[in-house]
Amino acid sequence: LYRSLMKKAIYIILGILTLASCKSEFEDNSDRFKVGVFEIPAGKGFVKETIIRKDSIQISKHGNHIDTLSIKWKNNFFYTLKYINPKTTLQKDPMFVQINKIHKESYDFTVKIGFSKFKKKATIYKVK
């Protein structure tokens, strides 16, 4: 009985040590797109846009326009943007952004304006 318990204890200890020494290849850095400087290149219905994110604010520069938006993250793959000072009726609606695929320094997304049928897909790149 004692020998059987010792064997079980040794197997359990070895199992714990084996599991503790394993390093996952997946590094969870899902927050990396919540702050920093980003760029959406021109194309596919978009003009080149430079974006600065900090806390709950997003500053977007496209052409000669600079807009300030609030950004609210629902989770690491979905956030809502809303113009702080909307200049048009369309800007009064929130933009719902779904992250579809994550790459090393970019992600593919779909943006939907308000509850309309308007949808656009693009890729955003983290530059800083």
Protein backbone atom coordinates (compact mmCIF):
# COMPACT_ATOMS: atom_id res chain seq x y z
CA LEU A 1 0.00 0.00 0.00
CA TYR A 2 2.79 2.43 0.94
CA ARG A 3 4.72 1.60 -2.26
CA SER A 4 1.57 2.15 -4.36
CA LEU A 5 0.95 5.55 -2.76
CA MET A 6 4.58 6.57 -3.32
CA LYS A 7 4.36 5.62 -7.02
CA LYS A 8 1.18 7.67 -7.43
CA ALA A 9 2.76 10.63 -5.63
CA ILE A 10 5.86 10.47 -7.86
CA TYR A 11 3.70 10.31 -11.01
CA ILE A 12 1.63 13.27 -9.84
CA ILE A 13 4.76 15.32 -9.04
CA LEU A 14 6.33 14.44 -12.39
CA GLY A 15 3.10 15.35 -14.17
CA ILE A 16 2.92 18.71 -12.42
CA LEU A 17 6.58 19.44 -13.21
CA THR A 18 6.08 18.49 -16.85
CA LEU A 19 3.04 20.73 -17.21
CA ALA A 20 4.71 23.61 -15.37
CA SER A 21 7.79 23.45 -17.60
CA CYS A 22 5.78 23.61 -20.85
CA LYS A 23 5.72 27.03 -22.45
CA SER A 24 2.83 27.93 -24.66
CA GLU A 25 3.76 29.15 -28.13
CA PHE A 26 0.72 31.42 -28.05
CA GLU A 27 1.47 34.74 -26.43
CA ASP A 28 -1.63 36.60 -25.32
CA ASN A 29 -1.06 40.18 -26.37
CA SER A 30 -4.61 40.83 -27.50
CA ASP A 31 -4.56 44.34 -26.00
CA ARG A 32 -1.85 45.48 -28.44
CA PHE A 33 -4.37 47.15 -30.74
CA LYS A 34 -6.05 49.21 -28.03
CA VAL A 35 -3.35 51.92 -27.84
CA GLY A 36 -0.76 53.26 -30.27
CA VAL A 37 -0.47 54.76 -33.73
CA PHE A 38 -2.18 52.99 -36.64
CA GLU A 39 -2.63 53.47 -40.35
CA ILE A 40 -5.28 52.46 -42.84
CA PRO A 41 -3.78 52.66 -46.34
CA ALA A 42 -5.75 54.22 -49.19
CA GLY A 43 -7.83 51.82 -51.24
CA LYS A 44 -11.03 49.79 -51.12
CA GLY A 45 -13.15 52.87 -50.46
CA PHE A 46 -10.79 54.34 -47.86
CA VAL A 47 -8.49 57.33 -48.03
CA LYS A 48 -5.19 57.02 -46.13
CA GLU A 49 -5.97 57.49 -42.47
CA THR A 50 -3.63 57.87 -39.50
CA ILE A 51 -5.11 56.95 -36.13
CA ILE A 52 -3.85 57.61 -32.61
CA ARG A 53 -5.50 55.65 -29.79
CA LYS A 54 -5.07 56.39 -26.12
CA ASP A 55 -7.41 55.35 -23.33
CA SER A 56 -10.98 55.91 -24.57
CA ILE A 57 -10.07 58.44 -27.31
CA GLN A 58 -9.22 57.92 -30.96
CA ILE A 59 -7.87 60.77 -33.09
CA SER A 60 -8.24 60.16 -36.83
CA LYS A 61 -6.45 62.17 -39.51
CA HIS A 62 -7.52 61.66 -43.12
CA GLY A 63 -6.65 64.20 -45.79
CA ASN A 64 -6.94 67.65 -44.17
CA HIS A 65 -9.53 66.47 -41.64
CA ILE A 66 -8.87 65.62 -38.01
CA ASP A 67 -11.66 63.99 -36.00
CA THR A 68 -11.84 62.96 -32.36
CA LEU A 69 -13.89 59.90 -31.51
CA SER A 70 -14.66 58.01 -28.34
CA ILE A 71 -13.73 54.35 -28.49
CA LYS A 72 -15.40 51.73 -26.31
CA TRP A 73 -14.11 48.17 -26.38
CA LYS A 74 -16.70 45.46 -25.79
CA ASN A 75 -13.99 42.78 -25.92
CA ASN A 76 -10.68 42.26 -27.77
CA PHE A 77 -12.51 41.75 -31.09
CA PHE A 78 -15.31 44.32 -31.07
CA TYR A 79 -15.39 48.05 -30.39
CA THR A 80 -17.65 51.04 -31.00
CA LEU A 81 -16.53 54.44 -32.29
CA LYS A 82 -18.56 57.61 -31.90
CA TYR A 83 -17.69 61.13 -33.07
CA ILE A 84 -17.33 63.49 -30.12
CA ASN A 85 -18.32 66.53 -32.23
CA PRO A 86 -20.33 65.18 -35.18
CA LYS A 87 -20.41 67.53 -38.17
CA THR A 88 -22.99 65.63 -40.24
CA THR A 89 -26.09 63.54 -39.59
CA LEU A 90 -24.16 60.42 -40.60
CA GLN A 91 -21.46 61.15 -38.00
CA LYS A 92 -24.09 61.09 -35.24
CA ASP A 93 -24.46 57.32 -35.66
CA PRO A 94 -22.00 55.01 -33.88
CA MET A 95 -19.60 52.86 -35.90
CA PHE A 96 -19.46 49.21 -34.92
CA VAL A 97 -16.11 47.59 -35.66
CA GLN A 98 -15.64 43.80 -35.74
CA ILE A 99 -12.07 42.46 -35.88
CA ASN A 100 -12.17 39.51 -38.26
CA LYS A 101 -8.55 38.32 -38.40
CA ILE A 102 -5.42 39.26 -36.46
CA HIS A 103 -1.95 39.34 -38.01
CA LYS A 104 1.38 40.13 -36.38
CA GLU A 105 1.13 43.93 -36.71
CA SER A 106 -2.30 44.41 -38.28
CA TYR A 107 -5.87 43.22 -38.27
CA ASP A 108 -8.67 42.88 -40.80
CA PHE A 109 -11.93 44.47 -39.77
CA THR A 110 -15.48 45.20 -40.84
CA VAL A 111 -17.08 48.52 -39.93
CA LYS A 112 -20.81 49.13 -39.90
CA ILE A 113 -22.33 52.58 -39.46
CA GLY A 114 -25.27 52.68 -37.09
CA PHE A 115 -28.03 50.25 -37.88
CA SER A 116 -27.78 50.79 -41.63
CA LYS A 117 -26.75 48.24 -44.24
CA PHE A 118 -23.50 50.16 -44.86
CA LYS A 119 -20.47 47.89 -44.34
CA LYS A 120 -16.81 48.26 -45.31
CA LYS A 121 -13.90 45.88 -44.88
CA ALA A 122 -10.27 46.94 -44.56
CA THR A 123 -6.96 46.27 -42.81
CA ILE A 124 -5.41 48.50 -40.17
CA TYR A 125 -1.66 48.44 -39.44
CA LYS A 126 0.02 49.30 -36.15
CA VAL A 127 2.96 51.61 -36.88
CA LYS A 128 3.94 52.55 -33.28
